[in-house]
Amino acid sequence: MAEGSTPGLSGLRFVNPHRTSAMTHADVPAGRPIPLRSAPRELDVVIDGQGRERPLAEWITDTYSTSLVVVDRGVVAYEWYADGLGRSDLYLGASMTKSALAHLVGRAVADGAMGLETKVVEHVPELTDGGYADCAVEHLLTMTTGVDWFEDHRQQDSLASRLIACFVDGAGGSRDLLRSVRPRHRPGTRFEYCTADSQVLDWVRERATGVPYAAAMADLWRELGCESDATVGLDAPDGAALAGGGLAATASDWARIAMLQIDGTVDGDEVLDGAWVDRASTPSRTFLRPGRLPSSITTHAGFGYHWWPLDDAGRRVTADGSRGQFAYADRDLGVVVVKTSQWPYADFLVDRQNRDLSYLGLPLIAQAAVASRRGGRDAQSRRN
């Protein structure tokens, strides 16, 4: 949720970054495209927040949206794009990329390639002398590593800005920077939002499986039936992927990432272990529950395995990326809502207000999709 528009990130673009950014990108091909069915309908929803009511169209505009796609039980129920944008454009997920990474890790764990209690350095001995020396894989997934990291992209010289600069500059070295991260707290004792944890998590996954991020994502892309090629930023040609923030995909393909978080299946076939989905959706510690994270992060969600649950049971979860990227899944209703945006980041209050308003709106939009489905069925019954 931390990438933004500061000098260190000036090379990033939130729409079609592969066309306009100086960053090196790797393709994630759509090997088995299966179009989602579409049955568009109006959504009757009013979102309360910031002291007043907003109808959907106003909420879309006020939160700087670039796309909004609602998928109800596998069928596109609502689709909107900002002027000049459309369904074939690729939207940078920013830190939604972390939630897609969690899918890859879940598949690697299910295959037996890596374990949650395995020490990081068993797979990446290069980190033995740094802050990750005593961390296990689960510490990375829950961002409880305790490393000395402050996710501040408004300061150009912060470690977070320096990490992203490795990708913007395209000169490599992102993993060398990870080796320089120092320990601060005992692992497992506190949460600190940390893109470095995601980058190390993918490094571990790559070592455990022998498959780089783009290739592993391409396998998942094929199984999901994604319709369009995606891209992911690299720190250099054939370099490390920005697994914590560099995946760009169409809005409907982002919806497929969220749909997998409902029960781990695609058209009834298991793609991700259901038990993993439950664990990834559920806070594993009391201080990771919704409302227990630092308020500067969010008061609306907790943290699971790189997914953000909105309730203790993990039945409503979202991926969350900087400047308003969301892939929300209501696991009980079977509805996902993808919202991409490009709101200002430099003013932290504007960022916080737009995030709060988005968190308030996503569940209501999902509920409106179900209501419109039922309303349409009732109308059809009356006509018959």
Protein backbone atom coordinates (compact mmCIF):
# COMPACT_ATOMS: atom_id res chain seq x y z
CA MET A 1 0.00 0.00 0.00
CA ALA A 2 3.03 2.21 0.08
CA GLU A 3 4.15 3.10 -3.42
CA GLY A 4 3.38 6.71 -4.31
CA SER A 5 4.30 9.70 -6.42
CA THR A 6 7.51 11.07 -4.93
CA PRO A 7 10.82 11.83 -6.65
CA GLY A 8 12.09 8.30 -6.03
CA LEU A 9 9.00 6.89 -7.74
CA SER A 10 8.71 9.40 -10.57
CA GLY A 11 9.37 6.70 -13.16
CA LEU A 12 6.30 4.69 -12.15
CA ARG A 13 2.98 5.05 -13.94
CA PHE A 14 -0.32 3.65 -12.75
CA VAL A 15 -1.82 2.95 -16.17
CA ASN A 16 0.09 0.96 -18.79
CA PRO A 17 3.43 1.30 -16.99
CA HIS A 18 5.09 -0.97 -19.55
CA ARG A 19 4.46 1.67 -22.24
CA THR A 20 5.47 4.80 -20.42
CA SER A 21 7.91 3.86 -17.69
CA ALA A 22 11.66 3.60 -17.95
CA MET A 23 11.48 0.50 -15.76
CA THR A 24 12.34 -2.86 -17.28
CA HIS A 25 9.33 -5.17 -17.45
CA ALA A 26 8.76 -8.88 -17.91
CA ASP A 27 5.65 -10.19 -19.62
CA VAL A 28 3.15 -12.46 -17.88
CA PRO A 29 1.40 -14.10 -20.86
CA ALA A 30 -2.26 -15.06 -20.91
CA GLY A 31 -1.77 -18.67 -21.93
CA ARG A 32 -5.41 -19.78 -21.77
CA PRO A 33 -7.70 -16.74 -22.04
CA ILE A 34 -11.29 -17.38 -21.00
CA PRO A 35 -13.51 -14.27 -21.15
CA LEU A 36 -15.66 -13.61 -18.13
CA ARG A 37 -19.37 -13.63 -18.81
CA SER A 38 -21.01 -10.22 -18.63
CA ALA A 39 -24.52 -9.25 -17.52
CA PRO A 40 -24.31 -5.53 -16.68
CA ARG A 41 -26.87 -3.96 -14.39
CA GLU A 42 -27.33 -0.81 -12.39
CA LEU A 43 -26.15 -0.82 -8.79
CA ASP A 44 -28.27 1.09 -6.31
CA VAL A 45 -25.85 2.07 -3.58
CA VAL A 46 -25.21 5.11 -1.42
CA ILE A 47 -21.94 5.28 0.49
CA ASP A 48 -21.85 7.08 3.83
CA GLY A 49 -18.53 8.62 4.77
CA GLN A 50 -16.78 11.84 5.74
CA GLY A 51 -19.99 13.21 7.17
CA ARG A 52 -22.31 12.77 4.20
CA GLU A 53 -23.85 10.42 1.65
CA ARG A 54 -22.48 9.75 -1.83
CA PRO A 55 -24.20 7.89 -4.65
CA LEU A 56 -21.94 5.48 -6.52
CA ALA A 57 -21.09 7.85 -9.38
CA GLU A 58 -20.00 10.55 -6.94
CA TRP A 59 -17.97 8.08 -4.86
CA ILE A 60 -16.19 6.93 -8.03
CA THR A 61 -15.26 10.50 -8.93
CA ASP A 62 -14.41 11.72 -5.43
CA THR A 63 -11.96 8.86 -4.86
CA TYR A 64 -10.08 9.51 -8.12
CA SER A 65 -11.09 6.16 -9.66
CA THR A 66 -9.65 4.99 -12.96
CA SER A 67 -11.69 1.77 -13.18
CA LEU A 68 -14.37 -0.11 -11.26
CA VAL A 69 -15.31 -3.71 -12.04
CA VAL A 70 -17.77 -5.80 -10.03
CA VAL A 71 -17.93 -9.57 -10.59
CA ASP A 72 -20.86 -11.44 -9.05
CA ARG A 73 -20.40 -15.23 -8.90
CA GLY A 74 -18.12 -15.16 -11.96
CA VAL A 75 -20.25 -12.74 -14.01
CA VAL A 76 -19.31 -9.10 -14.63
CA ALA A 77 -22.21 -7.13 -13.17
CA TYR A 78 -20.77 -3.63 -13.43
CA GLU A 79 -17.89 -2.12 -15.39
CA TRP A 80 -16.75 1.50 -15.51
CA TYR A 81 -13.59 3.20 -16.79
CA ALA A 82 -12.38 6.78 -16.63
CA ASP A 83 -12.34 8.79 -19.84
CA GLY A 84 -9.68 7.53 -22.21
CA LEU A 85 -9.24 4.22 -20.37
CA GLY A 86 -10.80 0.83 -20.94
CA ARG A 87 -10.84 -2.88 -20.35
CA SER A 88 -7.64 -3.54 -22.33
CA ASP A 89 -5.49 -1.12 -20.31
CA LEU A 90 -3.14 -2.44 -17.65
CA TYR A 91 -3.51 -0.95 -14.19
CA LEU A 92 -0.54 -1.00 -11.84
CA GLY A 93 -1.64 -2.82 -8.72
CA ALA A 94 1.10 -1.30 -6.58
CA SER A 95 0.92 -3.29 -3.34
CA MET A 96 -1.98 -5.40 -4.59
CA THR A 97 0.98 -7.24 -6.11
CA LYS A 98 1.73 -8.50 -2.61
CA SER A 99 -1.61 -10.32 -2.46
CA ALA A 100 -0.92 -11.94 -5.84
CA LEU A 101 2.45 -13.01 -4.42
CA ALA A 102 0.62 -14.68 -1.53
CA HIS A 103 -1.13 -16.91 -4.09
CA LEU A 104 2.27 -17.99 -5.46
CA VAL A 105 3.57 -18.71 -1.98
CA GLY A 106 0.46 -20.73 -1.14
CA ARG A 107 0.99 -22.88 -4.21
CA ALA A 108 4.66 -23.41 -3.31
CA VAL A 109 3.71 -24.42 0.24
CA ALA A 110 1.08 -26.85 -1.08
CA ASP A 111 3.69 -28.39 -3.39
CA GLY A 112 6.01 -28.94 -0.43
CA ALA A 113 8.70 -26.61 -1.77
CA MET A 114 8.70 -24.41 1.35
CA GLY A 115 7.24 -24.36 4.83
CA LEU A 116 5.88 -21.60 7.03
CA GLU A 117 8.24 -22.37 9.92
CA THR A 118 11.30 -22.65 7.69
CA LYS A 119 13.97 -20.07 8.42
CA VAL A 120 14.52 -17.53 5.66
CA VAL A 121 18.26 -18.14 5.61
CA GLU A 122 17.79 -21.84 4.84
CA HIS A 123 16.73 -20.73 1.37
CA VAL A 124 18.63 -17.43 1.14
CA PRO A 125 21.91 -17.74 3.10
CA GLU A 126 22.96 -14.33 1.75
CA LEU A 127 20.73 -12.83 4.46
CA THR A 128 22.50 -14.59 7.35
CA ASP A 129 24.24 -11.46 8.60
CA GLY A 130 21.24 -9.13 8.27
CA GLY A 131 17.89 -8.38 9.83
CA TYR A 132 16.23 -11.53 8.48
CA ALA A 133 18.65 -13.99 10.11
CA ASP A 134 16.14 -15.15 12.76
CA CYS A 135 12.96 -14.83 10.69
CA ALA A 136 10.74 -17.63 9.42
CA VAL A 137 8.61 -17.58 6.28
CA GLU A 138 5.45 -16.86 8.27
CA HIS A 139 7.06 -13.73 9.70
CA LEU A 140 7.46 -12.47 6.15
CA LEU A 141 3.85 -13.29 5.25
CA THR A 142 2.50 -11.43 8.29
CA MET A 143 5.04 -8.58 8.20
CA THR A 144 6.13 -9.34 11.76
CA THR A 145 9.83 -9.71 10.96
CA GLY A 146 10.84 -6.88 13.30
CA VAL A 147 13.41 -5.50 10.86
CA ASP A 148 14.48 -1.87 11.01
CA TRP A 149 12.27 -0.49 8.24
CA PHE A 150 9.97 2.49 7.88
CA GLU A 151 7.69 2.45 4.85
CA ASP A 152 8.01 6.11 3.91
CA HIS A 153 8.05 7.00 0.24
CA ARG A 154 7.72 10.72 0.88
CA GLN A 155 11.37 10.85 1.96
CA GLN A 156 13.66 10.24 -0.98
CA ASP A 157 16.50 8.84 1.14
CA SER A 158 14.39 6.30 3.07
CA LEU A 159 15.11 2.61 2.59
CA ALA A 160 11.67 2.21 1.04
CA SER A 161 12.39 4.90 -1.56
CA ARG A 162 15.84 3.48 -2.21
CA LEU A 163 14.33 0.03 -2.80
CA ILE A 164 11.87 1.33 -5.40
CA ALA A 165 14.62 3.43 -6.98
CA CYS A 166 16.48 0.19 -7.78
CA PHE A 167 13.58 -0.66 -10.09
CA VAL A 168 12.98 2.80 -11.48
CA ASP A 169 16.67 3.20 -12.33
CA GLY A 170 16.91 -0.30 -13.78
CA ALA A 171 20.45 -0.76 -12.50
CA GLY A 172 19.69 -3.75 -10.28
CA GLY A 173 20.86 -4.08 -6.71
CA SER A 174 17.49 -4.47 -4.97
CA ARG A 175 18.58 -7.69 -3.29
CA ASP A 176 21.85 -6.12 -2.16
CA LEU A 177 19.77 -3.50 -0.38
CA LEU A 178 17.75 -6.25 1.33
CA ARG A 179 20.99 -7.66 2.72
CA SER A 180 21.66 -4.28 4.35
CA VAL A 181 18.39 -4.23 6.33
CA ARG A 182 19.11 -4.56 10.04
CA PRO A 183 17.17 -6.20 12.90
CA ARG A 184 15.23 -4.04 15.36
CA HIS A 185 12.65 -6.13 17.25
CA ARG A 186 12.21 -9.81 18.01
CA PRO A 187 10.38 -11.51 15.11
CA GLY A 188 6.70 -12.18 15.71
CA THR A 189 6.17 -9.47 18.32
CA ARG A 190 4.82 -6.57 16.25
CA PHE A 191 3.51 -5.56 12.82
CA GLU A 192 5.34 -3.09 10.62
CA TYR A 193 4.24 -2.59 7.03
CA CYS A 194 7.32 -3.50 5.01
CA THR A 195 7.76 -3.98 1.27
CA ALA A 196 11.19 -5.43 1.98
CA ASP A 197 9.44 -8.38 3.65
CA SER A 198 7.56 -9.05 0.40
CA GLN A 199 10.73 -8.83 -1.65
CA VAL A 200 12.49 -11.28 0.67
CA LEU A 201 9.41 -13.54 0.60
CA ASP A 202 9.62 -13.77 -3.17
CA TRP A 203 13.38 -14.35 -3.00
CA VAL A 204 12.70 -17.31 -0.68
CA ARG A 205 9.91 -18.58 -2.94
CA GLU A 206 12.13 -18.32 -6.01
CA ARG A 207 14.98 -20.21 -4.32
CA ALA A 208 12.61 -22.87 -3.00
CA THR A 209 10.89 -23.51 -6.33
CA GLY A 210 13.55 -22.49 -8.85
CA VAL A 211 10.92 -20.41 -10.68
CA PRO A 212 11.22 -16.61 -11.04
CA TYR A 213 8.23 -14.43 -10.23
CA ALA A 214 7.12 -13.73 -13.82
CA ALA A 215 7.21 -17.41 -14.78
CA ALA A 216 5.36 -18.49 -11.63
CA MET A 217 2.74 -15.82 -12.21
CA ALA A 218 2.39 -16.94 -15.84
CA ASP A 219 1.49 -20.44 -14.61
CA LEU A 220 -1.14 -18.94 -12.31
CA TRP A 221 -2.36 -16.61 -15.08
CA ARG A 222 -3.02 -19.62 -17.30
CA GLU A 223 -4.92 -21.50 -14.62
CA LEU A 224 -7.02 -18.44 -13.82
CA GLY A 225 -7.94 -18.05 -17.49
CA CYS A 226 -6.78 -14.44 -17.51
CA GLU A 227 -7.73 -12.71 -20.74
CA SER A 228 -4.76 -10.38 -21.23
CA ASP A 229 -1.01 -10.40 -20.81
CA ALA A 230 0.19 -8.69 -17.64
CA THR A 231 3.59 -7.19 -16.88
CA VAL A 232 5.82 -6.97 -13.81
CA GLY A 233 8.65 -4.53 -13.18
CA LEU A 234 12.22 -5.78 -12.82
CA ASP A 235 15.23 -4.08 -11.27
CA ALA A 236 17.28 -4.89 -14.37
CA PRO A 237 16.99 -7.04 -17.49
CA ASP A 238 16.74 -10.61 -16.14
CA GLY A 239 16.80 -9.08 -12.66
CA ALA A 240 14.61 -9.44 -9.58
CA ALA A 241 10.89 -8.70 -9.84
CA LEU A 242 9.13 -5.99 -7.90
CA ALA A 243 7.02 -8.66 -6.22
CA GLY A 244 5.86 -6.15 -3.63
CA GLY A 245 4.44 -3.63 -6.07
CA GLY A 246 5.16 -4.03 -9.77
CA LEU A 247 2.37 -6.17 -11.29
CA ALA A 248 0.11 -4.45 -13.84
CA ALA A 249 -2.98 -6.16 -15.26
CA THR A 250 -6.41 -5.39 -16.64
CA ALA A 251 -9.12 -4.66 -14.10
CA SER A 252 -10.94 -7.89 -14.97
CA ASP A 253 -7.78 -9.93 -14.49
CA TRP A 254 -7.22 -8.27 -11.12
CA ALA A 255 -10.75 -9.47 -10.37
CA ARG A 256 -9.60 -13.04 -11.01
CA ILE A 257 -6.88 -12.61 -8.37
CA ALA A 258 -9.60 -11.63 -5.88
CA MET A 259 -11.97 -14.39 -7.06
CA LEU A 260 -9.32 -16.98 -6.20
CA GLN A 261 -9.32 -15.67 -2.63
CA ILE A 262 -12.98 -16.69 -2.24
CA ASP A 263 -12.36 -20.44 -2.05
CA GLY A 264 -9.24 -21.21 -4.09
CA THR A 265 -11.10 -22.66 -7.07
CA VAL A 266 -11.64 -21.73 -10.70
CA ASP A 267 -14.77 -23.23 -12.26
CA GLY A 268 -14.77 -25.86 -9.51
CA ASP A 269 -11.12 -26.86 -9.99
CA GLU A 270 -8.78 -26.27 -7.06
CA VAL A 271 -6.00 -23.83 -7.95
CA LEU A 272 -5.14 -22.80 -4.39
CA ASP A 273 -5.57 -24.95 -1.30
CA GLY A 274 -8.73 -23.94 0.55
CA ALA A 275 -7.02 -24.18 3.92
CA TRP A 276 -4.38 -21.76 2.68
CA VAL A 277 -7.06 -19.31 1.55
CA ASP A 278 -8.58 -19.42 5.04
CA ARG A 279 -5.22 -18.82 6.72
CA ALA A 280 -4.28 -16.05 4.31
CA SER A 281 -7.60 -14.31 5.02
CA THR A 282 -7.41 -14.53 8.80
CA PRO A 283 -5.33 -12.53 11.30
CA SER A 284 -2.97 -14.91 13.04
CA ARG A 285 -2.32 -12.67 16.06
CA THR A 286 -4.52 -10.40 18.13
CA PHE A 287 -2.61 -7.29 17.10
CA LEU A 288 -3.25 -8.14 13.43
CA ARG A 289 -7.05 -8.06 13.81
CA PRO A 290 -9.14 -5.35 12.10
CA GLY A 291 -8.91 -2.13 14.06
CA ARG A 292 -5.67 -3.16 15.80
CA LEU A 293 -3.16 -2.02 13.17
CA PRO A 294 -1.58 1.44 13.35
CA SER A 295 -4.24 3.98 12.40
CA SER A 296 -1.83 5.48 9.88
CA ILE A 297 -2.19 2.22 7.94
CA THR A 298 -5.95 1.64 8.30
CA THR A 299 -8.61 1.38 10.98
CA HIS A 300 -10.81 -0.75 8.73
CA ALA A 301 -8.73 -3.88 8.14
CA GLY A 302 -6.35 -6.30 9.73
CA PHE A 303 -3.56 -8.34 8.15
CA GLY A 304 -3.43 -12.00 7.17
CA TYR A 305 -0.95 -13.48 4.72
CA HIS A 306 -0.48 -10.39 2.54
CA TRP A 307 -4.29 -9.99 2.40
CA TRP A 308 -6.26 -7.46 4.45
CA PRO A 309 -9.30 -8.95 6.27
CA LEU A 310 -12.15 -6.60 7.17
CA ASP A 311 -13.55 -8.99 9.80
CA ASP A 312 -11.99 -11.37 12.31
CA ALA A 313 -13.26 -14.45 10.48
CA GLY A 314 -11.64 -13.39 7.21
CA ARG A 315 -14.85 -13.59 5.19
CA ARG A 316 -14.33 -10.13 3.68
CA VAL A 317 -10.80 -9.43 2.47
CA THR A 318 -9.03 -7.11 0.09
CA ALA A 319 -5.80 -6.51 -1.70
CA ASP A 320 -4.72 -2.91 -1.13
CA GLY A 321 -2.29 -0.84 -3.18
CA SER A 322 -1.04 2.70 -2.92
CA ARG A 323 -3.19 5.54 -4.24
CA GLY A 324 -6.38 3.53 -4.32
CA GLN A 325 -5.86 0.08 -5.82
CA PHE A 326 -8.26 -2.51 -4.36
CA ALA A 327 -9.31 -6.07 -5.21
CA TYR A 328 -12.00 -6.83 -2.65
CA ALA A 329 -13.63 -10.23 -2.13
CA ASP A 330 -16.75 -11.03 -0.13
CA ARG A 331 -16.23 -14.74 0.34
CA ASP A 332 -19.79 -15.39 1.53
CA LEU A 333 -21.54 -13.41 -1.19
CA GLY A 334 -19.20 -14.60 -3.98
CA VAL A 335 -18.68 -11.02 -5.16
CA VAL A 336 -15.43 -9.20 -5.95
CA VAL A 337 -14.96 -5.48 -6.50
CA VAL A 338 -11.88 -4.09 -8.24
CA LYS A 339 -11.24 -0.37 -7.96
CA THR A 340 -8.15 1.26 -9.42
CA SER A 341 -7.40 4.88 -8.71
CA GLN A 342 -4.79 7.58 -8.83
CA TRP A 343 -5.38 9.82 -5.88
CA PRO A 344 -2.74 12.20 -4.46
CA TYR A 345 -0.18 10.62 -2.16
CA ALA A 346 2.03 13.52 -1.05
CA ASP A 347 -0.56 14.77 1.48
CA PHE A 348 -1.00 11.93 3.96
CA LEU A 349 -4.39 13.23 5.10
CA VAL A 350 -5.80 13.14 1.56
CA ASP A 351 -4.41 9.62 1.18
CA ARG A 352 -5.97 8.51 4.48
CA GLN A 353 -9.36 10.09 3.75
CA ASN A 354 -9.62 8.44 0.34
CA ARG A 355 -8.58 5.08 1.73
CA ASP A 356 -11.20 5.33 4.50
CA LEU A 357 -13.90 6.24 2.00
CA SER A 358 -12.88 3.35 -0.25
CA TYR A 359 -13.01 0.84 2.61
CA LEU A 360 -16.49 2.05 3.49
CA GLY A 361 -17.67 1.70 -0.10
CA LEU A 362 -16.31 -1.67 -1.20
CA PRO A 363 -18.56 -3.87 0.99
CA LEU A 364 -21.64 -1.79 0.13
CA ILE A 365 -20.96 -2.17 -3.60
CA ALA A 366 -20.68 -5.94 -3.18
CA GLN A 367 -23.97 -6.01 -1.29
CA ALA A 368 -25.61 -3.87 -3.98
CA ALA A 369 -24.48 -6.37 -6.62
CA VAL A 370 -26.29 -9.15 -4.77
CA ALA A 371 -29.37 -6.99 -4.31
CA SER A 372 -29.45 -6.16 -8.03
CA ARG A 373 -29.07 -9.84 -8.87
CA ARG A 374 -31.97 -10.78 -6.65
CA GLY A 375 -34.01 -7.86 -7.90
CA GLY A 376 -33.50 -8.93 -11.48
CA ARG A 377 -34.48 -12.50 -10.62
CA ASP A 378 -37.61 -11.27 -8.85
CA ALA A 379 -38.52 -9.09 -11.85
CA GLN A 380 -38.04 -12.05 -14.18
CA SER A 381 -40.31 -14.16 -11.96
CA ARG A 382 -43.00 -11.50 -12.08
CA ARG A 383 -42.80 -11.34 -15.88
CA ASN A 384 -43.16 -15.12 -16.07
